[in-house]
N, C-alpha and C. Protein backbone atom coordinates (compact mmCIF):
# COMPACT_ATOMS: atom_id res chain seq x y z
N UNK A 1 -15.28 24.17 28.34
CA UNK A 1 -15.38 23.16 27.31
C UNK A 1 -15.98 21.90 27.92
N UNK A 2 -16.89 21.28 27.20
CA UNK A 2 -17.60 20.11 27.70
C UNK A 2 -16.80 18.84 27.43
N UNK A 3 -16.73 17.95 28.42
CA UNK A 3 -16.00 16.69 28.28
C UNK A 3 -16.85 15.70 27.48
N UNK A 4 -16.22 15.03 26.53
CA UNK A 4 -16.90 14.02 25.70
C UNK A 4 -16.90 12.71 26.48
N UNK A 5 -18.07 12.06 26.60
CA UNK A 5 -18.13 10.79 27.32
C UNK A 5 -17.18 9.75 26.71
N UNK A 6 -16.58 8.95 27.57
CA UNK A 6 -15.61 7.94 27.16
C UNK A 6 -16.20 6.97 26.14
N UNK A 7 -17.45 6.58 26.31
CA UNK A 7 -18.05 5.61 25.39
C UNK A 7 -18.14 6.16 23.98
N UNK A 8 -18.29 7.47 23.84
CA UNK A 8 -18.34 8.07 22.50
C UNK A 8 -16.94 8.05 21.88
N UNK A 9 -15.93 8.40 22.67
CA UNK A 9 -14.56 8.39 22.18
C UNK A 9 -14.16 6.99 21.75
N UNK A 10 -14.46 6.00 22.59
CA UNK A 10 -14.12 4.61 22.27
C UNK A 10 -14.87 4.16 21.02
N UNK A 11 -16.13 4.51 20.92
CA UNK A 11 -16.93 4.13 19.75
C UNK A 11 -16.39 4.73 18.47
N UNK A 12 -16.03 6.01 18.52
CA UNK A 12 -15.48 6.65 17.33
C UNK A 12 -14.13 6.07 16.96
N UNK A 13 -13.31 5.79 17.96
CA UNK A 13 -12.00 5.19 17.69
C UNK A 13 -12.16 3.80 17.07
N UNK A 14 -13.10 3.02 17.59
CA UNK A 14 -13.35 1.68 17.05
C UNK A 14 -13.83 1.77 15.61
N UNK A 15 -14.75 2.68 15.36
CA UNK A 15 -15.28 2.84 14.01
C UNK A 15 -14.17 3.25 13.04
N UNK A 16 -13.29 4.13 13.49
CA UNK A 16 -12.17 4.57 12.65
C UNK A 16 -11.26 3.40 12.30
N UNK A 17 -10.99 2.56 13.30
CA UNK A 17 -10.13 1.39 13.06
C UNK A 17 -10.77 0.44 12.06
N UNK A 18 -12.06 0.18 12.21
CA UNK A 18 -12.76 -0.72 11.30
C UNK A 18 -12.71 -0.16 9.88
N UNK A 19 -12.96 1.13 9.73
CA UNK A 19 -12.92 1.73 8.40
C UNK A 19 -11.52 1.69 7.81
N UNK A 20 -10.53 1.94 8.62
CA UNK A 20 -9.15 1.91 8.13
C UNK A 20 -8.78 0.51 7.66
N UNK A 21 -9.14 -0.50 8.45
CA UNK A 21 -8.82 -1.88 8.06
C UNK A 21 -9.62 -2.31 6.85
N UNK A 22 -10.86 -1.89 6.77
CA UNK A 22 -11.69 -2.26 5.64
C UNK A 22 -11.14 -1.68 4.34
N UNK A 23 -10.49 -0.53 4.44
CA UNK A 23 -9.96 0.09 3.23
C UNK A 23 -8.75 -0.65 2.69
N UNK A 24 -8.15 -1.53 3.48
CA UNK A 24 -6.99 -2.30 3.01
C UNK A 24 -7.38 -3.27 1.91
N UNK A 25 -8.57 -3.78 1.97
CA UNK A 25 -9.04 -4.72 0.96
C UNK A 25 -9.85 -3.93 -0.05
N UNK A 26 -9.43 -3.98 -1.28
CA UNK A 26 -10.13 -3.24 -2.31
C UNK A 26 -11.00 -4.18 -3.12
N UNK A 27 -11.96 -3.62 -3.81
CA UNK A 27 -12.81 -4.40 -4.70
C UNK A 27 -12.25 -4.43 -6.12
N UNK A 28 -11.09 -3.79 -6.29
CA UNK A 28 -10.47 -3.78 -7.60
C UNK A 28 -10.03 -5.19 -7.96
N UNK A 29 -10.11 -5.49 -9.23
CA UNK A 29 -9.56 -6.77 -9.64
C UNK A 29 -8.06 -6.67 -9.59
N UNK A 30 -7.40 -7.79 -9.54
CA UNK A 30 -5.95 -7.75 -9.44
C UNK A 30 -5.30 -7.39 -10.77
N UNK A 31 -6.09 -7.03 -11.76
CA UNK A 31 -5.53 -6.61 -13.04
C UNK A 31 -5.85 -5.15 -13.32
N UNK A 32 -5.71 -4.29 -12.30
CA UNK A 32 -6.01 -2.88 -12.53
C UNK A 32 -4.96 -2.25 -13.43
N UNK A 33 -5.19 -1.02 -13.85
CA UNK A 33 -4.35 -0.37 -14.85
C UNK A 33 -2.93 -0.14 -14.39
N UNK A 34 -2.66 -0.17 -13.10
CA UNK A 34 -1.29 0.06 -12.63
C UNK A 34 -0.44 -1.19 -12.71
N UNK A 35 -1.01 -2.30 -13.14
CA UNK A 35 -0.17 -3.47 -13.13
C UNK A 35 -0.59 -4.60 -14.04
N UNK A 36 -1.53 -4.38 -14.94
CA UNK A 36 -2.00 -5.50 -15.74
C UNK A 36 -1.07 -5.82 -16.91
N UNK A 37 -0.46 -4.82 -17.49
CA UNK A 37 0.41 -5.06 -18.64
C UNK A 37 1.86 -5.13 -18.18
N UNK A 38 2.59 -6.01 -18.81
CA UNK A 38 4.01 -6.11 -18.50
C UNK A 38 4.72 -4.91 -19.11
N UNK A 39 5.30 -4.08 -18.27
CA UNK A 39 6.04 -2.92 -18.74
C UNK A 39 7.41 -2.95 -18.09
N UNK A 40 8.33 -2.23 -18.68
CA UNK A 40 9.70 -2.22 -18.16
C UNK A 40 10.20 -0.79 -18.04
N UNK A 41 11.35 -0.65 -17.42
CA UNK A 41 12.02 0.63 -17.33
C UNK A 41 11.21 1.69 -16.62
N UNK A 42 11.19 2.88 -17.20
CA UNK A 42 10.50 4.01 -16.59
C UNK A 42 9.01 3.76 -16.42
N UNK A 43 8.42 3.02 -17.36
CA UNK A 43 6.99 2.72 -17.26
C UNK A 43 6.70 1.82 -16.06
N UNK A 44 7.58 0.87 -15.78
CA UNK A 44 7.41 -0.01 -14.62
C UNK A 44 7.57 0.79 -13.33
N UNK A 45 8.54 1.70 -13.30
CA UNK A 45 8.74 2.54 -12.12
C UNK A 45 7.51 3.42 -11.90
N UNK A 46 6.96 4.00 -12.97
CA UNK A 46 5.77 4.84 -12.85
C UNK A 46 4.57 4.03 -12.37
N UNK A 47 4.42 2.82 -12.90
CA UNK A 47 3.32 1.96 -12.46
C UNK A 47 3.50 1.58 -11.00
N UNK A 48 4.74 1.30 -10.60
CA UNK A 48 5.02 0.97 -9.20
C UNK A 48 4.76 2.13 -8.27
N UNK A 49 5.08 3.34 -8.72
CA UNK A 49 4.80 4.54 -7.91
C UNK A 49 3.30 4.70 -7.69
N UNK A 50 2.54 4.46 -8.75
CA UNK A 50 1.08 4.56 -8.65
C UNK A 50 0.54 3.54 -7.63
N UNK A 51 1.07 2.34 -7.66
CA UNK A 51 0.66 1.31 -6.70
C UNK A 51 1.06 1.72 -5.30
N UNK A 52 2.30 2.20 -5.16
CA UNK A 52 2.83 2.60 -3.84
C UNK A 52 1.97 3.69 -3.22
N UNK A 53 1.60 4.69 -4.02
CA UNK A 53 0.83 5.81 -3.49
C UNK A 53 -0.66 5.52 -3.40
N UNK A 54 -1.12 4.49 -4.10
CA UNK A 54 -2.54 4.17 -4.08
C UNK A 54 -2.87 2.98 -3.19
N UNK A 55 -2.41 1.83 -3.58
CA UNK A 55 -2.76 0.61 -2.87
C UNK A 55 -2.09 0.51 -1.50
N UNK A 56 -0.82 0.87 -1.42
CA UNK A 56 -0.09 0.74 -0.14
C UNK A 56 -0.66 1.70 0.90
N UNK A 57 -1.00 2.89 0.45
CA UNK A 57 -1.50 3.89 1.40
C UNK A 57 -2.96 3.67 1.77
N UNK A 58 -3.57 2.64 1.22
CA UNK A 58 -4.92 2.29 1.66
C UNK A 58 -4.89 1.72 3.08
N UNK A 59 -3.74 1.17 3.47
CA UNK A 59 -3.59 0.56 4.80
C UNK A 59 -2.74 1.39 5.76
N UNK A 60 -1.80 2.15 5.23
CA UNK A 60 -0.89 2.91 6.10
C UNK A 60 -0.33 4.09 5.34
N UNK A 61 0.28 4.99 6.07
CA UNK A 61 0.91 6.14 5.42
C UNK A 61 2.09 5.65 4.59
N UNK A 62 2.43 6.41 3.55
CA UNK A 62 3.56 5.97 2.73
C UNK A 62 4.87 6.04 3.51
N UNK A 63 5.53 4.93 3.60
CA UNK A 63 6.84 4.87 4.26
C UNK A 63 7.87 5.47 3.31
N UNK A 64 8.71 6.38 3.78
CA UNK A 64 9.78 6.84 2.89
C UNK A 64 10.64 5.64 2.47
N UNK A 65 10.81 5.47 1.19
CA UNK A 65 11.49 4.28 0.67
C UNK A 65 12.85 4.10 1.33
N UNK A 66 13.58 5.17 1.53
CA UNK A 66 14.93 5.05 2.05
C UNK A 66 14.98 4.84 3.57
N UNK A 67 13.83 4.73 4.22
CA UNK A 67 13.81 4.36 5.64
C UNK A 67 14.19 2.89 5.83
N UNK A 68 14.16 2.13 4.74
CA UNK A 68 14.51 0.71 4.78
C UNK A 68 15.60 0.45 3.76
N UNK A 69 16.39 -0.57 4.01
CA UNK A 69 17.38 -0.99 3.02
C UNK A 69 16.67 -1.77 1.92
N UNK A 70 17.35 -1.95 0.81
CA UNK A 70 16.77 -2.73 -0.27
C UNK A 70 16.50 -4.16 0.19
N UNK A 71 17.40 -4.71 0.99
CA UNK A 71 17.20 -6.07 1.52
C UNK A 71 15.95 -6.13 2.40
N UNK A 72 15.74 -5.10 3.20
CA UNK A 72 14.54 -5.08 4.06
C UNK A 72 13.28 -5.00 3.22
N UNK A 73 13.30 -4.18 2.15
CA UNK A 73 12.14 -4.11 1.26
C UNK A 73 11.87 -5.48 0.63
N UNK A 74 12.92 -6.16 0.24
CA UNK A 74 12.73 -7.48 -0.38
C UNK A 74 12.11 -8.47 0.59
N UNK A 75 12.39 -8.31 1.88
CA UNK A 75 11.76 -9.15 2.90
C UNK A 75 10.32 -8.74 3.16
N UNK A 76 10.06 -7.43 3.16
CA UNK A 76 8.73 -6.91 3.48
C UNK A 76 7.73 -7.06 2.33
N UNK A 77 8.20 -6.89 1.13
CA UNK A 77 7.31 -6.78 -0.01
C UNK A 77 6.39 -7.98 -0.25
N UNK A 78 6.84 -9.22 -0.14
CA UNK A 78 5.91 -10.32 -0.40
C UNK A 78 4.69 -10.33 0.52
N UNK A 79 4.89 -10.09 1.79
CA UNK A 79 3.76 -10.08 2.72
C UNK A 79 2.84 -8.89 2.46
N UNK A 80 3.44 -7.73 2.27
CA UNK A 80 2.63 -6.53 2.02
C UNK A 80 1.87 -6.65 0.69
N UNK A 81 2.50 -7.25 -0.31
CA UNK A 81 1.84 -7.44 -1.60
C UNK A 81 0.64 -8.37 -1.46
N UNK A 82 0.80 -9.40 -0.66
CA UNK A 82 -0.31 -10.33 -0.41
C UNK A 82 -1.44 -9.61 0.32
N UNK A 83 -1.09 -8.80 1.32
CA UNK A 83 -2.12 -8.04 2.06
C UNK A 83 -2.88 -7.11 1.14
N UNK A 84 -2.18 -6.50 0.19
CA UNK A 84 -2.80 -5.55 -0.74
C UNK A 84 -3.42 -6.23 -1.95
N UNK A 85 -3.32 -7.56 -1.99
CA UNK A 85 -3.89 -8.36 -3.10
C UNK A 85 -3.29 -7.95 -4.45
N UNK A 86 -1.97 -7.72 -4.46
CA UNK A 86 -1.30 -7.39 -5.71
C UNK A 86 -1.01 -8.65 -6.50
N UNK A 87 -1.10 -8.55 -7.81
CA UNK A 87 -0.70 -9.69 -8.63
C UNK A 87 0.81 -9.63 -8.84
N UNK A 88 1.37 -10.63 -9.50
CA UNK A 88 2.81 -10.74 -9.69
C UNK A 88 3.37 -9.52 -10.43
N UNK A 89 2.68 -9.10 -11.48
CA UNK A 89 3.14 -7.96 -12.26
C UNK A 89 3.14 -6.69 -11.42
N UNK A 90 2.09 -6.49 -10.64
CA UNK A 90 2.03 -5.30 -9.78
C UNK A 90 3.17 -5.32 -8.76
N UNK A 91 3.45 -6.48 -8.20
CA UNK A 91 4.56 -6.60 -7.23
C UNK A 91 5.89 -6.28 -7.91
N UNK A 92 6.06 -6.72 -9.15
CA UNK A 92 7.29 -6.42 -9.89
C UNK A 92 7.41 -4.92 -10.14
N UNK A 93 6.30 -4.28 -10.50
CA UNK A 93 6.32 -2.83 -10.71
C UNK A 93 6.63 -2.09 -9.42
N UNK A 94 6.05 -2.54 -8.33
CA UNK A 94 6.31 -1.93 -7.04
C UNK A 94 7.79 -2.06 -6.68
N UNK A 95 8.36 -3.22 -6.92
CA UNK A 95 9.78 -3.42 -6.63
C UNK A 95 10.64 -2.54 -7.54
N UNK A 96 10.23 -2.37 -8.79
CA UNK A 96 10.97 -1.48 -9.70
C UNK A 96 10.98 -0.06 -9.16
N UNK A 97 9.84 0.39 -8.65
CA UNK A 97 9.76 1.72 -8.04
C UNK A 97 10.69 1.83 -6.84
N UNK A 98 10.66 0.83 -5.96
CA UNK A 98 11.51 0.85 -4.77
C UNK A 98 12.98 0.82 -5.18
N UNK A 99 13.34 -0.07 -6.10
CA UNK A 99 14.73 -0.19 -6.54
C UNK A 99 15.23 1.09 -7.20
N UNK A 100 14.34 1.88 -7.78
CA UNK A 100 14.75 3.11 -8.44
C UNK A 100 15.31 4.13 -7.47
N UNK A 101 15.10 3.92 -6.18
CA UNK A 101 15.60 4.83 -5.15
C UNK A 101 17.01 4.46 -4.68
N UNK A 102 17.52 3.31 -5.10
CA UNK A 102 18.82 2.84 -4.61
C UNK A 102 19.86 2.89 -5.70
């Protein structure tokens, strides 16, 4: 088996990192269908799930919700929501999804 030159490995790793980070910022407006309308109950949980599996996973793998306490999620969510460019309604839906696990 032929050894791959280090500069190729480093270049590919760098390119992968740039692409992964670039995917964190979306061109979607902050009023996408998963969070533009104020919804409650099961609809809010469903909208939050869509955000969790779509927007959150643009930057990282989905964290199992129960790996964190509800208090930890409440501390983490504002910063992560800002990173994902979520609007207030989307953040509320995401929290409804998280709270549905507790």
